[in-house]
Amino acid sequence: MHILTTTTSNQSLKIVPRSDVSNPTLTITDKSKRKDSNVTVTKTDDGDYMVLTGSFSLVEGNTYSFRVKDGSTEIYRGLIMCTDQTDLDKYFINQNEYTSNQDYDNEFIVL
């Protein structure tokens, strides 16, 4: 799984595709809405890896699937998790969503 943020500046995906191509296309599918969008990417090589750099429009906490194609031939398929949390070793999916109730008086009624 690849982890990206909500920023609209350029971000990179480092992948190992089935074949090397000169002009790949990238399609992202929002898994919650099942809506596809095409992203314009530039391709560079880093050793045996293909690095795709582009501007993604992602929503915090959403999961996306993506496909890299050469024409109609699919050369890579993967998942993206969007988060702005920086300490990924301690990633918590419900960060800042749960609050505990601190106004209880610990009393009960016996009938």
PDB file of N, CA and C in Angstrom:
ATOM      1  N   MET A   1       0.847  -1.172   0.000  1.00  0.00           N
ATOM      2  CA  MET A   1       0.000   0.000   0.000  1.00  0.00           C
ATOM      3  C   MET A   1       0.892   1.235   0.000  1.00  0.00           C
ATOM      4  N   HIS A   2       0.543   2.177  -0.821  1.00  0.00           N
ATOM      5  CA  HIS A   2       1.258   3.444  -0.913  1.00  0.00           C
ATOM      6  C   HIS A   2       0.536   4.470  -0.051  1.00  0.00           C
ATOM      7  N   ILE A   3       1.279   5.335   0.602  1.00  0.00           N
ATOM      8  CA  ILE A   3       0.685   6.345   1.472  1.00  0.00           C
ATOM      9  C   ILE A   3       0.990   7.721   0.898  1.00  0.00           C
ATOM     10  N   LEU A   4      -0.087   8.480   0.626  1.00  0.00           N
ATOM     11  CA  LEU A   4       0.023   9.839   0.118  1.00  0.00           C
ATOM     12  C   LEU A   4      -0.722  10.776   1.053  1.00  0.00           C
ATOM     13  N   THR A   5      -0.537  12.081   0.864  1.00  0.00           N
ATOM     14  CA  THR A   5      -1.189  13.074   1.711  1.00  0.00           C
ATOM     15  C   THR A   5      -2.229  13.852   0.908  1.00  0.00           C
ATOM     16  N   THR A   6      -2.890  14.791   1.579  1.00  0.00           N
ATOM     17  CA  THR A   6      -3.936  15.581   0.926  1.00  0.00           C
ATOM     18  C   THR A   6      -3.380  16.767   0.150  1.00  0.00           C
ATOM     19  N   THR A   7      -2.080  16.974   0.178  1.00  0.00           N
ATOM     20  CA  THR A   7      -1.488  18.118  -0.520  1.00  0.00           C
ATOM     21  C   THR A   7      -1.735  18.027  -2.024  1.00  0.00           C
ATOM     22  N   THR A   8      -1.862  19.180  -2.653  1.00  0.00           N
ATOM     23  CA  THR A   8      -2.077  19.193  -4.102  1.00  0.00           C
ATOM     24  C   THR A   8      -0.777  19.402  -4.869  1.00  0.00           C
ATOM     25  N   SER A   9       0.346  19.519  -4.149  1.00  0.00           N
ATOM     26  CA  SER A   9       1.629  19.599  -4.844  1.00  0.00           C
ATOM     27  C   SER A   9       2.044  18.191  -5.291  1.00  0.00           C
ATOM     28  N   ASN A  10       3.091  18.097  -6.074  1.00  0.00           N
ATOM     29  CA  ASN A  10       3.508  16.820  -6.649  1.00  0.00           C
ATOM     30  C   ASN A  10       3.908  15.806  -5.573  1.00  0.00           C
ATOM     31  N   GLN A  11       3.449  14.564  -5.767  1.00  0.00           N
ATOM     32  CA  GLN A  11       3.804  13.431  -4.920  1.00  0.00           C
ATOM     33  C   GLN A  11       4.214  12.285  -5.834  1.00  0.00           C
ATOM     34  N   SER A  12       4.948  11.323  -5.278  1.00  0.00           N
ATOM     35  CA  SER A  12       5.484  10.243  -6.106  1.00  0.00           C
ATOM     36  C   SER A  12       5.004   8.873  -5.657  1.00  0.00           C
ATOM     37  N   LEU A  13       4.802   8.006  -6.625  1.00  0.00           N
ATOM     38  CA  LEU A  13       4.525   6.591  -6.411  1.00  0.00           C
ATOM     39  C   LEU A  13       5.703   5.812  -6.982  1.00  0.00           C
ATOM     40  N   LYS A  14       6.322   4.970  -6.171  1.00  0.00           N
ATOM     41  CA  LYS A  14       7.475   4.173  -6.605  1.00  0.00           C
ATOM     42  C   LYS A  14       6.997   2.734  -6.761  1.00  0.00           C
ATOM     43  N   ILE A  15       7.006   2.236  -7.995  1.00  0.00           N
ATOM     44  CA  ILE A  15       6.425   0.928  -8.283  1.00  0.00           C
ATOM     45  C   ILE A  15       7.401   0.062  -9.075  1.00  0.00           C
ATOM     46  N   VAL A  16       7.100  -1.235  -9.141  1.00  0.00           N
ATOM     47  CA  VAL A  16       7.805  -2.178 -10.009  1.00  0.00           C
ATOM     48  C   VAL A  16       6.751  -2.744 -10.964  1.00  0.00           C
ATOM     49  N   PRO A  17       6.648  -2.192 -12.169  1.00  0.00           N
ATOM     50  CA  PRO A  17       5.617  -2.629 -13.107  1.00  0.00           C
ATOM     51  C   PRO A  17       5.986  -3.930 -13.809  1.00  0.00           C
ATOM     52  N   ARG A  18       5.029  -4.507 -14.512  1.00  0.00           N
ATOM     53  CA  ARG A  18       5.257  -5.739 -15.267  1.00  0.00           C
ATOM     54  C   ARG A  18       6.166  -5.506 -16.466  1.00  0.00           C
ATOM     55  N   SER A  19       6.106  -4.309 -17.032  1.00  0.00           N
ATOM     56  CA  SER A  19       6.982  -3.972 -18.157  1.00  0.00           C
ATOM     57  C   SER A  19       7.290  -2.484 -18.106  1.00  0.00           C
ATOM     58  N   ASP A  20       8.378  -2.095 -18.759  1.00  0.00           N
ATOM     59  CA  ASP A  20       8.778  -0.694 -18.779  1.00  0.00           C
ATOM     60  C   ASP A  20       8.143  -0.015 -19.982  1.00  0.00           C
ATOM     61  N   VAL A  21       7.590   1.165 -19.756  1.00  0.00           N
ATOM     62  CA  VAL A  21       6.948   1.929 -20.823  1.00  0.00           C
ATOM     63  C   VAL A  21       7.460   3.359 -20.775  1.00  0.00           C
ATOM     64  N   SER A  22       7.258   4.081 -21.861  1.00  0.00           N
ATOM     65  CA  SER A  22       7.735   5.458 -21.900  1.00  0.00           C
ATOM     66  C   SER A  22       6.668   6.462 -21.487  1.00  0.00           C
ATOM     67  N   ASN A  23       5.390   6.134 -21.707  1.00  0.00           N
ATOM     68  CA  ASN A  23       4.323   7.081 -21.418  1.00  0.00           C
ATOM     69  C   ASN A  23       3.155   6.374 -20.719  1.00  0.00           C
ATOM     70  N   PRO A  24       3.272   6.068 -19.420  1.00  0.00           N
ATOM     71  CA  PRO A  24       2.191   5.369 -18.722  1.00  0.00           C
ATOM     72  C   PRO A  24       1.026   6.300 -18.395  1.00  0.00           C
ATOM     73  N   THR A  25      -0.151   5.703 -18.244  1.00  0.00           N
ATOM     74  CA  THR A  25      -1.331   6.443 -17.783  1.00  0.00           C
ATOM     75  C   THR A  25      -1.738   5.895 -16.422  1.00  0.00           C
ATOM     76  N   LEU A  26      -2.260   6.778 -15.569  1.00  0.00           N
ATOM     77  CA  LEU A  26      -2.628   6.397 -14.202  1.00  0.00           C
ATOM     78  C   LEU A  26      -4.087   6.735 -13.974  1.00  0.00           C
ATOM     79  N   THR A  27      -4.859   5.748 -13.517  1.00  0.00           N
ATOM     80  CA  THR A  27      -6.263   5.937 -13.176  1.00  0.00           C
ATOM     81  C   THR A  27      -6.457   5.597 -11.715  1.00  0.00           C
ATOM     82  N   ILE A  28      -7.061   6.528 -10.958  1.00  0.00           N
ATOM     83  CA  ILE A  28      -7.321   6.327  -9.532  1.00  0.00           C
ATOM     84  C   ILE A  28      -8.817   6.145  -9.332  1.00  0.00           C
ATOM     85  N   THR A  29      -9.192   5.172  -8.489  1.00  0.00           N
ATOM     86  CA  THR A  29     -10.590   4.922  -8.162  1.00  0.00           C
ATOM     87  C   THR A  29     -10.797   5.129  -6.671  1.00  0.00           C
ATOM     88  N   ASP A  30     -11.692   6.045  -6.321  1.00  0.00           N
ATOM     89  CA  ASP A  30     -12.060   6.267  -4.922  1.00  0.00           C
ATOM     90  C   ASP A  30     -12.922   5.082  -4.493  1.00  0.00           C
ATOM     91  N   LYS A  31     -12.458   4.315  -3.512  1.00  0.00           N
ATOM     92  CA  LYS A  31     -13.149   3.080  -3.132  1.00  0.00           C
ATOM     93  C   LYS A  31     -14.470   3.338  -2.432  1.00  0.00           C
ATOM     94  N   SER A  32     -14.657   4.512  -1.819  1.00  0.00           N
ATOM     95  CA  SER A  32     -15.920   4.790  -1.140  1.00  0.00           C
ATOM     96  C   SER A  32     -16.992   5.276  -2.109  1.00  0.00           C
ATOM     97  N   LYS A  33     -16.601   5.997  -3.159  1.00  0.00           N
ATOM     98  CA  LYS A  33     -17.568   6.537  -4.117  1.00  0.00           C
ATOM     99  C   LYS A  33     -17.589   5.781  -5.433  1.00  0.00           C
ATOM    100  N   ARG A  34     -16.589   4.909  -5.649  1.00  0.00           N
ATOM    101  CA  ARG A  34     -16.442   4.160  -6.896  1.00  0.00           C
ATOM    102  C   ARG A  34     -16.415   5.099  -8.099  1.00  0.00           C
ATOM    103  N   LYS A  35     -15.608   6.166  -7.955  1.00  0.00           N
ATOM    104  CA  LYS A  35     -15.477   7.150  -9.018  1.00  0.00           C
ATOM    105  C   LYS A  35     -14.034   7.162  -9.517  1.00  0.00           C
ATOM    106  N   ASP A  36     -13.860   7.054 -10.839  1.00  0.00           N
ATOM    107  CA  ASP A  36     -12.535   7.040 -11.451  1.00  0.00           C
ATOM    108  C   ASP A  36     -12.097   8.444 -11.832  1.00  0.00           C
ATOM    109  N   SER A  37     -10.795   8.667 -11.741  1.00  0.00           N
ATOM    110  CA  SER A  37     -10.219   9.914 -12.242  1.00  0.00           C
ATOM    111  C   SER A  37      -8.837   9.609 -12.802  1.00  0.00           C
ATOM    112  N   ASN A  38      -8.509  10.272 -13.893  1.00  0.00           N
ATOM    113  CA  ASN A  38      -7.205  10.107 -14.527  1.00  0.00           C
ATOM    114  C   ASN A  38      -6.262  11.177 -14.000  1.00  0.00           C
ATOM    115  N   VAL A  39      -5.022  10.788 -13.719  1.00  0.00           N
ATOM    116  CA  VAL A  39      -4.007  11.695 -13.217  1.00  0.00           C
ATOM    117  C   VAL A  39      -2.871  11.742 -14.227  1.00  0.00           C
ATOM    118  N   THR A  40      -2.459  12.949 -14.582  1.00  0.00           N
ATOM    119  CA  THR A  40      -1.324  13.118 -15.482  1.00  0.00           C
ATOM    120  C   THR A  40      -0.040  12.973 -14.677  1.00  0.00           C
ATOM    121  N   VAL A  41       0.803  12.033 -15.071  1.00  0.00           N
ATOM    122  CA  VAL A  41       2.032  11.748 -14.328  1.00  0.00           C
ATOM    123  C   VAL A  41       3.235  11.848 -15.256  1.00  0.00           C
ATOM    124  N   THR A  42       4.382  12.119 -14.636  1.00  0.00           N
ATOM    125  CA  THR A  42       5.647  12.048 -15.357  1.00  0.00           C
ATOM    126  C   THR A  42       6.406  10.850 -14.826  1.00  0.00           C
ATOM    127  N   LYS A  43       7.081  10.151 -15.722  1.00  0.00           N
ATOM    128  CA  LYS A  43       7.775   8.920 -15.365  1.00  0.00           C
ATOM    129  C   LYS A  43       9.277   9.154 -15.305  1.00  0.00           C
ATOM    130  N   THR A  44       9.888   8.671 -14.225  1.00  0.00           N
ATOM    131  CA  THR A  44      11.341   8.621 -14.118  1.00  0.00           C
ATOM    132  C   THR A  44      11.711   7.231 -13.629  1.00  0.00           C
ATOM    133  N   ASP A  45      12.982   6.881 -13.740  1.00  0.00           N
ATOM    134  CA  ASP A  45      13.463   5.584 -13.282  1.00  0.00           C
ATOM    135  C   ASP A  45      14.403   5.776 -12.103  1.00  0.00           C
ATOM    136  N   ASP A  46      14.308   4.860 -11.138  1.00  0.00           N
ATOM    137  CA  ASP A  46      15.202   4.843  -9.978  1.00  0.00           C
ATOM    138  C   ASP A  46      15.658   3.398  -9.809  1.00  0.00           C
ATOM    139  N   GLY A  47      16.725   3.028 -10.500  1.00  0.00           N
ATOM    140  CA  GLY A  47      17.169   1.637 -10.488  1.00  0.00           C
ATOM    141  C   GLY A  47      16.151   0.779 -11.208  1.00  0.00           C
ATOM    142  N   ASP A  48      15.638  -0.235 -10.534  1.00  0.00           N
ATOM    143  CA  ASP A  48      14.621  -1.115 -11.110  1.00  0.00           C
ATOM    144  C   ASP A  48      13.207  -0.600 -10.892  1.00  0.00           C
ATOM    145  N   TYR A  49      13.066   0.548 -10.250  1.00  0.00           N
ATOM    146  CA  TYR A  49      11.749   1.105  -9.938  1.00  0.00           C
ATOM    147  C   TYR A  49      11.333   2.132 -10.984  1.00  0.00           C
ATOM    148  N   MET A  50      10.010   2.229 -11.193  1.00  0.00           N
ATOM    149  CA  MET A  50       9.422   3.287 -11.998  1.00  0.00           C
ATOM    150  C   MET A  50       8.816   4.278 -11.005  1.00  0.00           C
ATOM    151  N   VAL A  51       9.163   5.537 -11.120  1.00  0.00           N
ATOM    152  CA  VAL A  51       8.645   6.562 -10.219  1.00  0.00           C
ATOM    153  C   VAL A  51       7.682   7.435 -11.002  1.00  0.00           C
ATOM    154  N   LEU A  52       6.424   7.459 -10.560  1.00  0.00           N
ATOM    155  CA  LEU A  52       5.392   8.268 -11.207  1.00  0.00           C
ATOM    156  C   LEU A  52       5.116   9.469 -10.310  1.00  0.00           C
ATOM    157  N   THR A  53       5.298  10.665 -10.850  1.00  0.00           N
ATOM    158  CA  THR A  53       5.112  11.891 -10.088  1.00  0.00           C
ATOM    159  C   THR A  53       3.959  12.675 -10.690  1.00  0.00           C
ATOM    160  N   GLY A  54       3.036  13.102  -9.819  1.00  0.00           N
ATOM    161  CA  GLY A  54       1.888  13.869 -10.279  1.00  0.00           C
ATOM    162  C   GLY A  54       1.195  14.561  -9.139  1.00  0.00           C
ATOM    163  N   SER A  55       0.203  15.351  -9.482  1.00  0.00           N
ATOM    164  CA  SER A  55      -0.587  16.078  -8.497  1.00  0.00           C
ATOM    165  C   SER A  55      -1.900  15.324  -8.276  1.00  0.00           C
ATOM    166  N   PHE A  56      -2.084  14.827  -7.055  1.00  0.00           N
ATOM    167  CA  PHE A  56      -3.254  14.024  -6.724  1.00  0.00           C
ATOM    168  C   PHE A  56      -4.233  14.851  -5.897  1.00  0.00           C
ATOM    169  N   SER A  57      -5.515  14.653  -6.117  1.00  0.00           N
ATOM    170  CA  SER A  57      -6.552  15.314  -5.330  1.00  0.00           C
ATOM    171  C   SER A  57      -7.213  14.246  -4.457  1.00  0.00           C
ATOM    172  N   LEU A  58      -6.697  14.089  -3.224  1.00  0.00           N
ATOM    173  CA  LEU A  58      -7.138  13.007  -2.351  1.00  0.00           C
ATOM    174  C   LEU A  58      -7.786  13.566  -1.083  1.00  0.00           C
ATOM    175  N   VAL A  59      -8.613  12.733  -0.446  1.00  0.00           N
ATOM    176  CA  VAL A  59      -9.333  13.118   0.764  1.00  0.00           C
ATOM    177  C   VAL A  59      -8.770  12.341   1.951  1.00  0.00           C
ATOM    178  N   GLU A  60      -8.535  13.031   3.054  1.00  0.00           N
ATOM    179  CA  GLU A  60      -7.995  12.434   4.280  1.00  0.00           C
ATOM    180  C   GLU A  60      -8.817  11.218   4.714  1.00  0.00           C
ATOM    181  N   GLY A  61      -8.135  10.113   4.977  1.00  0.00           N
ATOM    182  CA  GLY A  61      -8.777   8.908   5.487  1.00  0.00           C
ATOM    183  C   GLY A  61      -9.368   7.994   4.430  1.00  0.00           C
ATOM    184  N   ASN A  62      -9.381   8.403   3.178  1.00  0.00           N
ATOM    185  CA  ASN A  62      -9.954   7.570   2.122  1.00  0.00           C
ATOM    186  C   ASN A  62      -8.915   6.606   1.561  1.00  0.00           C
ATOM    187  N   THR A  63      -9.419   5.513   1.012  1.00  0.00           N
ATOM    188  CA  THR A  63      -8.586   4.512   0.366  1.00  0.00           C
ATOM    189  C   THR A  63      -8.903   4.527  -1.122  1.00  0.00           C
ATOM    190  N   TYR A  64      -7.861   4.414  -1.929  1.00  0.00           N
ATOM    191  CA  TYR A  64      -8.001   4.459  -3.374  1.00  0.00           C
ATOM    192  C   TYR A  64      -7.287   3.264  -3.985  1.00  0.00           C
ATOM    193  N   SER A  65      -7.829   2.755  -5.083  1.00  0.00           N
ATOM    194  CA  SER A  65      -7.093   1.786  -5.880  1.00  0.00           C
ATOM    195  C   SER A  65      -6.601   2.523  -7.113  1.00  0.00           C
ATOM    196  N   PHE A  66      -5.467   2.075  -7.660  1.00  0.00           N
ATOM    197  CA  PHE A  66      -4.975   2.725  -8.872  1.00  0.00           C
ATOM    198  C   PHE A  66      -4.437   1.686  -9.832  1.00  0.00           C
ATOM    199  N   ARG A  67      -4.487   2.048 -11.113  1.00  0.00           N
ATOM    200  CA  ARG A  67      -4.003   1.193 -12.184  1.00  0.00           C
ATOM    201  C   ARG A  67      -3.101   2.002 -13.097  1.00  0.00           C
ATOM    202  N   VAL A  68      -1.984   1.405 -13.450  1.00  0.00           N
ATOM    203  CA  VAL A  68      -1.056   2.018 -14.395  1.00  0.00           C
ATOM    204  C   VAL A  68      -1.148   1.204 -15.677  1.00  0.00           C
ATOM    205  N   LYS A  69      -1.346   1.908 -16.790  1.00  0.00           N
ATOM    206  CA  LYS A  69      -1.523   1.220 -18.073  1.00  0.00           C
ATOM    207  C   LYS A  69      -0.580   1.770 -19.123  1.00  0.00           C
ATOM    208  N   ASP A  70      -0.282   0.897 -20.073  1.00  0.00           N
ATOM    209  CA  ASP A  70       0.410   1.259 -21.303  1.00  0.00           C
ATOM    210  C   ASP A  70      -0.599   1.037 -22.415  1.00  0.00           C
ATOM    211  N   GLY A  71      -1.288   2.092 -22.818  1.00  0.00           N
ATOM    212  CA  GLY A  71      -2.390   1.932 -23.765  1.00  0.00           C
ATOM    213  C   GLY A  71      -3.540   1.227 -23.073  1.00  0.00           C
ATOM    214  N   SER A  72      -3.887   0.028 -23.543  1.00  0.00           N
ATOM    215  CA  SER A  72      -4.955  -0.744 -22.907  1.00  0.00           C
ATOM    216  C   SER A  72      -4.413  -1.883 -22.040  1.00  0.00           C
ATOM    217  N   THR A  73      -3.083  -2.034 -22.001  1.00  0.00           N
ATOM    218  CA  THR A  73      -2.458  -3.108 -21.228  1.00  0.00           C
ATOM    219  C   THR A  73      -2.126  -2.628 -19.825  1.00  0.00           C
ATOM    220  N   GLU A  74      -2.667  -3.329 -18.828  1.00  0.00           N
ATOM    221  CA  GLU A  74      -2.403  -2.977 -17.438  1.00  0.00           C
ATOM    222  C   GLU A  74      -1.028  -3.502 -17.025  1.00  0.00           C
ATOM    223  N   ILE A  75      -0.183  -2.610 -16.477  1.00  0.00           N
ATOM    224  CA  ILE A  75       1.161  -3.030 -16.081  1.00  0.00           C
ATOM    225  C   ILE A  75       1.374  -2.972 -14.565  1.00  0.00           C
ATOM    226  N   TYR A  76       0.443  -2.361 -13.826  1.00  0.00           N
ATOM    227  CA  TYR A  76       0.560  -2.329 -12.368  1.00  0.00           C
ATOM    228  C   TYR A  76      -0.790  -1.983 -11.767  1.00  0.00           C
ATOM    229  N   ARG A  77      -1.054  -2.573 -10.595  1.00  0.00           N
ATOM    230  CA  ARG A  77      -2.278  -2.298  -9.846  1.00  0.00           C
ATOM    231  C   ARG A  77      -1.899  -2.179  -8.379  1.00  0.00           C
ATOM    232  N   GLY A  78      -2.430  -1.164  -7.679  1.00  0.00           N
ATOM    233  CA  GLY A  78      -2.071  -0.981  -6.282  1.00  0.00           C
ATOM    234  C   GLY A  78      -3.114  -0.219  -5.493  1.00  0.00           C
ATOM    235  N   LEU A  79      -2.806   0.034  -4.213  1.00  0.00           N
ATOM    236  CA  LEU A  79      -3.697   0.751  -3.307  1.00  0.00           C
ATOM    237  C   LEU A  79      -2.995   1.976  -2.750  1.00  0.00           C
ATOM    238  N   ILE A  80      -3.780   3.017  -2.489  1.00  0.00           N
ATOM    239  CA  ILE A  80      -3.289   4.245  -1.874  1.00  0.00           C
ATOM    240  C   ILE A  80      -4.130   4.536  -0.646  1.00  0.00           C
ATOM    241  N   MET A  81      -3.470   4.872   0.454  1.00  0.00           N
ATOM    242  CA  MET A  81      -4.141   5.354   1.659  1.00  0.00           C
ATOM    243  C   MET A  81      -3.768   6.820   1.806  1.00  0.00           C
ATOM    244  N   CYS A  82      -4.746   7.682   1.990  1.00  0.00           N
ATOM    245  CA  CYS A  82      -4.490   9.109   2.130  1.00  0.00           C
ATOM    246  C   CYS A  82      -4.543   9.489   3.606  1.00  0.00           C
ATOM    247  N   THR A  83      -3.440  10.042   4.118  1.00  0.00           N
ATOM    248  CA  THR A  83      -3.397  10.515   5.500  1.00  0.00           C
ATOM    249  C   THR A  83      -2.382  11.635   5.625  1.00  0.00           C
ATOM    250  N   ASP A  84      -2.662  12.561   6.535  1.00  0.00           N
ATOM    251  CA  ASP A  84      -1.718  13.635   6.847  1.00  0.00           C
ATOM    252  C   ASP A  84      -0.950  13.349   8.126  1.00  0.00           C
ATOM    253  N   GLN A  85      -1.194  12.194   8.747  1.00  0.00           N
ATOM    254  CA  GLN A  85      -0.441  11.823   9.942  1.00  0.00           C
ATOM    255  C   GLN A  85       1.003  11.539   9.541  1.00  0.00           C
ATOM    256  N   THR A  86       1.939  11.995  10.357  1.00  0.00           N
ATOM    257  CA  THR A  86       3.343  11.876   9.986  1.00  0.00           C
ATOM    258  C   THR A  86       4.036  10.677  10.617  1.00  0.00           C
ATOM    259  N   ASP A  87       3.637  10.256  11.809  1.00  0.00           N
ATOM    260  CA  ASP A  87       4.274   9.127  12.477  1.00  0.00           C
ATOM    261  C   ASP A  87       3.525   7.855  12.094  1.00  0.00           C
ATOM    262  N   LEU A  88       3.887   7.282  10.954  1.00  0.00           N
ATOM    263  CA  LEU A  88       3.114   6.165  10.398  1.00  0.00           C
ATOM    264  C   LEU A  88       3.268   4.876  11.198  1.00  0.00           C
ATOM    265  N   ASP A  89       4.335   4.754  12.013  1.00  0.00           N
ATOM    266  CA  ASP A  89       4.467   3.570  12.856  1.00  0.00           C
ATOM    267  C   ASP A  89       3.383   3.536  13.928  1.00  0.00           C
ATOM    268  N   LYS A  90       2.867   4.697  14.285  1.00  0.00           N
ATOM    269  CA  LYS A  90       1.817   4.798  15.303  1.00  0.00           C
ATOM    270  C   LYS A  90       0.528   5.323  14.686  1.00  0.00           C
ATOM    271  N   TYR A  91       0.289   4.993  13.424  1.00  0.00           N
ATOM    272  CA  TYR A  91      -0.900   5.460  12.716  1.00  0.00           C
ATOM    273  C   TYR A  91      -2.154   4.971  13.410  1.00  0.00           C
ATOM    274  N   PHE A  92      -3.105   5.871  13.579  1.00  0.00           N
ATOM    275  CA  PHE A  92      -4.368   5.545  14.231  1.00  0.00           C
ATOM    276  C   PHE A  92      -5.490   6.044  13.346  1.00  0.00           C
ATOM    277  N   ILE A  93      -6.313   5.135  12.844  1.00  0.00           N
ATOM    278  CA  ILE A  93      -7.333   5.490  11.861  1.00  0.00           C
ATOM    279  C   ILE A  93      -8.395   6.424  12.434  1.00  0.00           C
ATOM    280  N   ASN A  94      -8.638   6.371  13.731  1.00  0.00           N
ATOM    281  CA  ASN A  94      -9.665   7.213  14.353  1.00  0.00           C
ATOM    282  C   ASN A  94      -9.071   8.380  15.125  1.00  0.00           C
ATOM    283  N   GLN A  95      -7.920   8.870  14.726  1.00  0.00           N
ATOM    284  CA  GLN A  95      -7.275   9.961  15.442  1.00  0.00           C
ATOM    285  C   GLN A  95      -8.185  11.190  15.476  1.00  0.00           C
ATOM    286  N   ASN A  96      -8.346  11.753  16.678  1.00  0.00           N
ATOM    287  CA  ASN A  96      -9.150  12.957  16.933  1.00  0.00           C
ATOM    288  C   ASN A  96     -10.638  12.770  16.675  1.00  0.00           C
ATOM    289  N   GLU A  97     -11.115  11.538  16.555  1.00  0.00           N
ATOM    290  CA  GLU A  97     -12.543  11.309  16.359  1.00  0.00           C
ATOM    291  C   GLU A  97     -13.227  10.810  17.625  1.00  0.00           C
ATOM    292  N   TYR A  98     -12.484  10.181  18.518  1.00  0.00           N
ATOM    293  CA  TYR A  98     -13.061   9.623  19.728  1.00  0.00           C
ATOM    294  C   TYR A  98     -12.743  10.530  20.910  1.00  0.00           C
ATOM    295  N   THR A  99     -13.772  10.895  21.635  1.00  0.00           N
ATOM    296  CA  THR A  99     -13.573  11.650  22.869  1.00  0.00           C
ATOM    297  C   THR A  99     -14.258  10.897  23.992  1.00  0.00           C
ATOM    298  N   SER A 100     -13.598  10.815  25.133  1.00  0.00           N
ATOM    299  CA  SER A 100     -14.196  10.099  26.259  1.00  0.00           C
ATOM    300  C   SER A 100     -15.015  11.061  27.104  1.00  0.00           C
ATOM    301  N   ASN A 101     -16.026  10.536  27.704  1.00  0.00           N
ATOM    302  CA  ASN A 101     -16.926  11.322  28.542  1.00  0.00           C
ATOM    303  C   ASN A 101     -16.283  11.504  29.917  1.00  0.00           C
ATOM    304  N   GLN A 102     -16.025  12.744  30.307  1.00  0.00           N
ATOM    305  CA  GLN A 102     -15.374  13.034  31.582  1.00  0.00           C
ATOM    306  C   GLN A 102     -16.341  13.625  32.611  1.00  0.00           C
ATOM    307  N   ASP A 103     -17.629  13.737  32.296  1.00  0.00           N
ATOM    308  CA  ASP A 103     -18.564  14.392  33.213  1.00  0.00           C
ATOM    309  C   ASP A 103     -19.492  13.396  33.925  1.00  0.00           C
ATOM    310  N   TYR A 104     -19.012  12.232  34.257  1.00  0.00           N
ATOM    311  CA  TYR A 104     -19.833  11.276  34.988  1.00  0.00           C
ATOM    312  C   TYR A 104     -19.581  11.456  36.490  1.00  0.00           C
ATOM    313  N   ASP A 105     -20.579  11.089  37.280  1.00  0.00           N
ATOM    314  CA  ASP A 105     -20.452  11.255  38.730  1.00  0.00           C
ATOM    315  C   ASP A 105     -20.346   9.912  39.457  1.00  0.00           C
ATOM    316  N   ASN A 106     -20.360   8.823  38.714  1.00  0.00           N
ATOM    317  CA  ASN A 106     -20.171   7.501  39.253  1.00  0.00           C
ATOM    318  C   ASN A 106     -21.271   7.090  40.236  1.00  0.00           C
ATOM    319  N   GLU A 107     -22.456   7.652  40.087  1.00  0.00           N
ATOM    320  CA  GLU A 107     -23.592   7.305  40.941  1.00  0.00           C
ATOM    321  C   GLU A 107     -24.507   6.336  40.184  1.00  0.00           C
ATOM    322  N   PHE A 108     -25.192   5.510  40.939  1.00  0.00           N
ATOM    323  CA  PHE A 108     -26.155   4.616  40.323  1.00  0.00           C
ATOM    324  C   PHE A 108     -27.354   4.490  41.256  1.00  0.00           C
ATOM    325  N   ILE A 109     -28.450   4.031  40.714  1.00  0.00           N
ATOM    326  CA  ILE A 109     -29.697   3.909  41.476  1.00  0.00           C
ATOM    327  C   ILE A 109     -30.004   2.429  41.632  1.00  0.00           C
ATOM    328  N   VAL A 110     -30.297   2.015  42.862  1.00  0.00           N
ATOM    329  CA  VAL A 110     -30.675   0.648  43.149  1.00  0.00           C
ATOM    330  C   VAL A 110     -32.176   0.621  43.377  1.00  0.00           C
ATOM    331  N   LEU A 111     -32.887  -0.244  42.668  1.00  0.00           N
ATOM    332  CA  LEU A 111     -34.338  -0.343  42.820  1.00  0.00           C
ATOM    333  C   LEU A 111     -34.730  -1.548  43.622  1.00  0.00           C
TER     334      LEU A 111
END
